Amino acid sequence: MKHQIKIKEGNFETLFYHSLGIDHFASTLSSSDRIQELDLSENDIGPENFMLLLKIFHSNDKILSLNLADCKLDGECVAKLCKILKQRNFSLKFLKFRNSKFSEEGVESIAELIRNHKTLLDLEIFNCGITERGGRVIGDALKTNFNLEKLSIGENILNKKDVEQIQ
């Protein structure tokens, strides 16, 4: 596991007992810049605990694959992560957020990441509470991104016209 970390199907509160344990976990991972794959999917991380994990992404700018599917993240979490990724990580190829609740703030941040990130190939934002307005914002961002090869955006509230534009 020298280049990847996979922690799946657990509850962070149970696994690390409390936020102090999560903070120690994040500190440990942030002390290495060698992580290329980080899979935290299917964990009930939630917004408060995820904020403690953000330090991982400040120091690990070579992460190629990040899976945060089913982690119950909100728009603020997504916005803060996207800001870090946009500024520091120029290697990211795969990003998954499935089953989160983005809000307008999260959608705007995802769109900004799409607009400016030149290595991102695969983005999963399936069932993330994206509204018609969010679909337009993402569609507009895709007009300037010619690198994204796969976008999973189903199970959101999108306008048919925006879906056609995205496709």
C-alpha atoms as a PDB file:
ATOM      1  CA  MET A   1       0.000   0.000   0.000  1.00  0.00           C
ATOM      2  CA  LYS A   2       2.851   2.377  -0.554  1.00  0.00           C
ATOM      3  CA  HIS A   3       1.020   4.428  -3.196  1.00  0.00           C
ATOM      4  CA  GLN A   4      -2.621   3.859  -2.317  1.00  0.00           C
ATOM      5  CA  ILE A   5      -4.895   4.037   0.653  1.00  0.00           C
ATOM      6  CA  LYS A   6      -8.258   2.248   0.647  1.00  0.00           C
ATOM      7  CA  ILE A   7     -10.629   2.420   3.546  1.00  0.00           C
ATOM      8  CA  LYS A   8     -14.043   1.185   2.539  1.00  0.00           C
ATOM      9  CA  GLU A   9     -17.343   0.276   4.093  1.00  0.00           C
ATOM     10  CA  GLY A  10     -16.749   1.609   7.528  1.00  0.00           C
ATOM     11  CA  ASN A  11     -18.031   4.295   9.761  1.00  0.00           C
ATOM     12  CA  PHE A  12     -15.313   6.791  10.551  1.00  0.00           C
ATOM     13  CA  GLU A  13     -16.683   7.427  14.012  1.00  0.00           C
ATOM     14  CA  THR A  14     -16.513   3.691  14.753  1.00  0.00           C
ATOM     15  CA  LEU A  15     -13.178   3.167  13.035  1.00  0.00           C
ATOM     16  CA  PHE A  16     -11.457   6.148  14.672  1.00  0.00           C
ATOM     17  CA  TYR A  17     -13.723   6.456  17.752  1.00  0.00           C
ATOM     18  CA  HIS A  18     -13.977  10.262  17.636  1.00  0.00           C
ATOM     19  CA  SER A  19     -12.782  13.335  15.784  1.00  0.00           C
ATOM     20  CA  LEU A  20      -9.376  13.212  17.499  1.00  0.00           C
ATOM     21  CA  GLY A  21      -8.759   9.804  15.908  1.00  0.00           C
ATOM     22  CA  ILE A  22      -9.797  11.151  12.526  1.00  0.00           C
ATOM     23  CA  ASP A  23      -7.489  14.121  12.994  1.00  0.00           C
ATOM     24  CA  HIS A  24      -4.574  11.760  13.761  1.00  0.00           C
ATOM     25  CA  PHE A  25      -5.448   9.683  10.684  1.00  0.00           C
ATOM     26  CA  ALA A  26      -5.452  12.839   8.525  1.00  0.00           C
ATOM     27  CA  SER A  27      -2.148  13.997  10.041  1.00  0.00           C
ATOM     28  CA  THR A  28      -0.568  10.649   9.255  1.00  0.00           C
ATOM     29  CA  LEU A  29      -1.695  10.732   5.632  1.00  0.00           C
ATOM     30  CA  SER A  30      -0.749  14.371   5.250  1.00  0.00           C
ATOM     31  CA  SER A  31       2.813  13.629   6.354  1.00  0.00           C
ATOM     32  CA  SER A  32       3.351  11.693   3.124  1.00  0.00           C
ATOM     33  CA  ASP A  33       3.253  13.072  -0.397  1.00  0.00           C
ATOM     34  CA  ARG A  34       3.314   9.590  -1.977  1.00  0.00           C
ATOM     35  CA  ILE A  35      -0.402   8.767  -2.059  1.00  0.00           C
ATOM     36  CA  GLN A  36      -1.631   8.294  -5.606  1.00  0.00           C
ATOM     37  CA  GLU A  37      -4.960   6.592  -4.918  1.00  0.00           C
ATOM     38  CA  LEU A  38      -7.294   7.418  -2.041  1.00  0.00           C
ATOM     39  CA  ASP A  39     -10.559   5.516  -1.705  1.00  0.00           C
ATOM     40  CA  LEU A  40     -12.732   6.566   1.229  1.00  0.00           C
ATOM     41  CA  SER A  41     -15.993   5.541  -0.437  1.00  0.00           C
ATOM     42  CA  GLU A  42     -18.924   4.074   1.456  1.00  0.00           C
ATOM     43  CA  ASN A  43     -17.904   5.649   4.734  1.00  0.00           C
ATOM     44  CA  ASP A  44     -20.230   7.862   6.708  1.00  0.00           C
ATOM     45  CA  ILE A  45     -17.642  10.622   6.957  1.00  0.00           C
ATOM     46  CA  GLY A  46     -20.000  13.597   6.949  1.00  0.00           C
ATOM     47  CA  PRO A  47     -19.107  17.286   6.712  1.00  0.00           C
ATOM     48  CA  GLU A  48     -17.551  17.791  10.149  1.00  0.00           C
ATOM     49  CA  ASN A  49     -15.160  14.863   9.861  1.00  0.00           C
ATOM     50  CA  PHE A  50     -14.330  15.647   6.240  1.00  0.00           C
ATOM     51  CA  MET A  51     -13.109  19.112   7.241  1.00  0.00           C
ATOM     52  CA  LEU A  52     -10.501  17.349   9.390  1.00  0.00           C
ATOM     53  CA  LEU A  53      -9.402  15.306   6.365  1.00  0.00           C
ATOM     54  CA  LEU A  54      -8.756  18.342   4.139  1.00  0.00           C
ATOM     55  CA  LYS A  55      -5.158  18.589   5.344  1.00  0.00           C
ATOM     56  CA  ILE A  56      -4.460  15.376   3.397  1.00  0.00           C
ATOM     57  CA  PHE A  57      -5.085  17.182   0.122  1.00  0.00           C
ATOM     58  CA  HIS A  58      -2.884  20.163   0.965  1.00  0.00           C
ATOM     59  CA  SER A  59       0.230  17.975   1.123  1.00  0.00           C
ATOM     60  CA  ASN A  60      -0.659  15.207  -1.337  1.00  0.00           C
ATOM     61  CA  ASP A  61      -0.644  16.930  -4.690  1.00  0.00           C
ATOM     62  CA  LYS A  62       0.033  13.755  -6.695  1.00  0.00           C
ATOM     63  CA  ILE A  63      -3.254  11.969  -6.026  1.00  0.00           C
ATOM     64  CA  LEU A  64      -4.419  10.453  -9.314  1.00  0.00           C
ATOM     65  CA  SER A  65      -7.652   8.862  -8.086  1.00  0.00           C
ATOM     66  CA  LEU A  66      -9.936  10.127  -5.324  1.00  0.00           C
ATOM     67  CA  ASN A  67     -13.128   8.248  -4.452  1.00  0.00           C
ATOM     68  CA  LEU A  68     -15.479   9.988  -2.024  1.00  0.00           C
ATOM     69  CA  ALA A  69     -18.665   8.255  -3.180  1.00  0.00           C
ATOM     70  CA  ASP A  70     -21.297   7.694  -0.507  1.00  0.00           C
ATOM     71  CA  CYS A  71     -19.452   9.759   2.112  1.00  0.00           C
ATOM     72  CA  LYS A  72     -22.383  12.125   2.820  1.00  0.00           C
ATOM     73  CA  LEU A  73     -20.513  15.305   1.913  1.00  0.00           C
ATOM     74  CA  ASP A  74     -22.198  18.682   1.526  1.00  0.00           C
ATOM     75  CA  GLY A  75     -21.584  21.678  -0.730  1.00  0.00           C
ATOM     76  CA  GLU A  76     -19.133  23.336   1.643  1.00  0.00           C
ATOM     77  CA  CYS A  77     -16.960  20.190   1.752  1.00  0.00           C
ATOM     78  CA  VAL A  78     -17.020  19.933  -2.033  1.00  0.00           C
ATOM     79  CA  ALA A  79     -16.168  23.627  -2.408  1.00  0.00           C
ATOM     80  CA  LYS A  80     -13.194  23.478  -0.048  1.00  0.00           C
ATOM     81  CA  LEU A  81     -11.848  20.302  -1.639  1.00  0.00           C
ATOM     82  CA  CYS A  82     -12.237  21.647  -5.187  1.00  0.00           C
ATOM     83  CA  LYS A  83     -10.408  24.826  -4.225  1.00  0.00           C
ATOM     84  CA  ILE A  84      -7.457  22.794  -2.929  1.00  0.00           C
ATOM     85  CA  LEU A  85      -7.466  20.471  -5.950  1.00  0.00           C
ATOM     86  CA  LYS A  86      -7.619  23.398  -8.355  1.00  0.00           C
ATOM     87  CA  GLN A  87      -4.675  25.146  -6.692  1.00  0.00           C
ATOM     88  CA  ARG A  88      -2.443  22.207  -5.785  1.00  0.00           C
ATOM     89  CA  ASN A  89      -3.219  18.986  -7.624  1.00  0.00           C
ATOM     90  CA  PHE A  90      -2.348  18.961 -11.317  1.00  0.00           C
ATOM     91  CA  SER A  91      -2.311  15.145 -11.544  1.00  0.00           C
ATOM     92  CA  LEU A  92      -5.878  14.163 -10.613  1.00  0.00           C
ATOM     93  CA  LYS A  93      -7.532  11.926 -13.218  1.00  0.00           C
ATOM     94  CA  PHE A  94     -10.464  10.281 -11.392  1.00  0.00           C
ATOM     95  CA  LEU A  95     -12.844  11.979  -8.938  1.00  0.00           C
ATOM     96  CA  LYS A  96     -16.016  10.415  -7.513  1.00  0.00           C
ATOM     97  CA  PHE A  97     -18.642  12.065  -5.312  1.00  0.00           C
ATOM     98  CA  ARG A  98     -21.720   9.844  -5.872  1.00  0.00           C
ATOM     99  CA  ASN A  99     -24.654  10.357  -3.476  1.00  0.00           C
ATOM    100  CA  SER A 100     -23.645  13.677  -1.943  1.00  0.00           C
ATOM    101  CA  LYS A 101     -25.651  16.881  -1.578  1.00  0.00           C
ATOM    102  CA  PHE A 102     -23.729  19.583  -3.394  1.00  0.00           C
ATOM    103  CA  SER A 103     -25.902  22.705  -3.037  1.00  0.00           C
ATOM    104  CA  GLU A 104     -25.216  25.692  -5.276  1.00  0.00           C
ATOM    105  CA  GLU A 105     -21.820  26.260  -3.643  1.00  0.00           C
ATOM    106  CA  GLY A 106     -20.686  22.723  -4.425  1.00  0.00           C
ATOM    107  CA  VAL A 107     -21.949  22.825  -8.013  1.00  0.00           C
ATOM    108  CA  GLU A 108     -20.175  26.138  -8.676  1.00  0.00           C
ATOM    109  CA  SER A 109     -16.946  24.637  -7.308  1.00  0.00           C
ATOM    110  CA  ILE A 110     -17.258  21.489  -9.405  1.00  0.00           C
ATOM    111  CA  ALA A 111     -17.880  23.639 -12.485  1.00  0.00           C
ATOM    112  CA  GLU A 112     -14.816  25.754 -11.708  1.00  0.00           C
ATOM    113  CA  LEU A 113     -12.734  22.595 -11.280  1.00  0.00           C
ATOM    114  CA  ILE A 114     -13.994  21.256 -14.619  1.00  0.00           C
ATOM    115  CA  ARG A 115     -13.261  24.586 -16.292  1.00  0.00           C
ATOM    116  CA  ASN A 116      -9.657  24.763 -15.084  1.00  0.00           C
ATOM    117  CA  HIS A 117      -8.414  21.231 -14.486  1.00  0.00           C
ATOM    118  CA  LYS A 118      -6.571  19.810 -17.480  1.00  0.00           C
ATOM    119  CA  THR A 119      -5.832  16.256 -16.250  1.00  0.00           C
ATOM    120  CA  LEU A 120      -9.272  15.236 -14.958  1.00  0.00           C
ATOM    121  CA  LEU A 121     -10.572  12.399 -17.158  1.00  0.00           C
ATOM    122  CA  ASP A 122     -13.409  10.846 -15.137  1.00  0.00           C
ATOM    123  CA  LEU A 123     -15.881  12.671 -12.886  1.00  0.00           C
ATOM    124  CA  GLU A 124     -18.754  11.003 -11.053  1.00  0.00           C
ATOM    125  CA  ILE A 125     -21.364  13.369  -9.657  1.00  0.00           C
ATOM    126  CA  PHE A 126     -24.261  10.905  -9.804  1.00  0.00           C
ATOM    127  CA  ASN A 127     -27.179  11.693  -7.462  1.00  0.00           C
ATOM    128  CA  CYS A 128     -25.638  14.795  -5.929  1.00  0.00           C
ATOM    129  CA  GLY A 129     -28.706  17.033  -5.759  1.00  0.00           C
ATOM    130  CA  ILE A 130     -27.718  19.030  -8.839  1.00  0.00           C
ATOM    131  CA  THR A 131     -30.591  21.224 -10.017  1.00  0.00           C
ATOM    132  CA  GLU A 132     -31.434  22.565 -13.470  1.00  0.00           C
ATOM    133  CA  ARG A 133     -29.358  25.665 -12.767  1.00  0.00           C
ATOM    134  CA  GLY A 134     -26.457  23.466 -11.709  1.00  0.00           C
ATOM    135  CA  GLY A 135     -26.777  21.479 -14.928  1.00  0.00           C
ATOM    136  CA  ARG A 136     -26.421  24.703 -16.921  1.00  0.00           C
ATOM    137  CA  VAL A 137     -23.372  25.752 -14.909  1.00  0.00           C
ATOM    138  CA  ILE A 138     -21.694  22.376 -15.450  1.00  0.00           C
ATOM    139  CA  GLY A 139     -22.668  22.391 -19.122  1.00  0.00           C
ATOM    140  CA  ASP A 140     -21.041  25.812 -19.539  1.00  0.00           C
ATOM    141  CA  ALA A 141     -17.874  24.601 -17.805  1.00  0.00           C
ATOM    142  CA  LEU A 142     -17.654  21.647 -20.165  1.00  0.00           C
ATOM    143  CA  LYS A 143     -17.503  24.016 -23.137  1.00  0.00           C
ATOM    144  CA  THR A 144     -13.902  24.838 -22.215  1.00  0.00           C
ATOM    145  CA  ASN A 145     -12.777  21.410 -21.026  1.00  0.00           C
ATOM    146  CA  PHE A 146     -11.707  19.061 -23.796  1.00  0.00           C
ATOM    147  CA  ASN A 147      -9.984  16.520 -21.537  1.00  0.00           C
ATOM    148  CA  LEU A 148     -12.867  15.051 -19.545  1.00  0.00           C
ATOM    149  CA  GLU A 149     -13.678  11.663 -21.079  1.00  0.00           C
ATOM    150  CA  LYS A 150     -16.351  10.354 -18.721  1.00  0.00           C
ATOM    151  CA  LEU A 151     -19.002  12.210 -16.737  1.00  0.00           C
ATOM    152  CA  SER A 152     -21.574  10.379 -14.627  1.00  0.00           C
ATOM    153  CA  ILE A 153     -24.281  12.939 -13.821  1.00  0.00           C
ATOM    154  CA  GLY A 154     -27.470  10.855 -13.706  1.00  0.00           C
ATOM    155  CA  GLU A 155     -30.131  10.940 -10.974  1.00  0.00           C
ATOM    156  CA  ASN A 156     -29.952  14.727 -10.649  1.00  0.00           C
ATOM    157  CA  ILE A 157     -32.720  17.221 -11.470  1.00  0.00           C
ATOM    158  CA  LEU A 158     -31.529  18.309 -14.904  1.00  0.00           C
ATOM    159  CA  ASN A 159     -33.251  20.000 -17.819  1.00  0.00           C
ATOM    160  CA  LYS A 160     -33.374  17.846 -20.962  1.00  0.00           C
ATOM    161  CA  LYS A 161     -31.735  20.652 -22.967  1.00  0.00           C
ATOM    162  CA  ASP A 162     -28.821  20.826 -20.514  1.00  0.00           C
ATOM    163  CA  VAL A 163     -28.363  17.051 -20.623  1.00  0.00           C
ATOM    164  CA  GLU A 164     -28.132  17.235 -24.405  1.00  0.00           C
ATOM    165  CA  GLN A 165     -25.568  20.036 -24.115  1.00  0.00           C
ATOM    166  CA  ILE A 166     -23.539  18.023 -21.621  1.00  0.00           C
ATOM    167  CA  GLN A 167     -23.603  14.958 -23.863  1.00  0.00           C
END
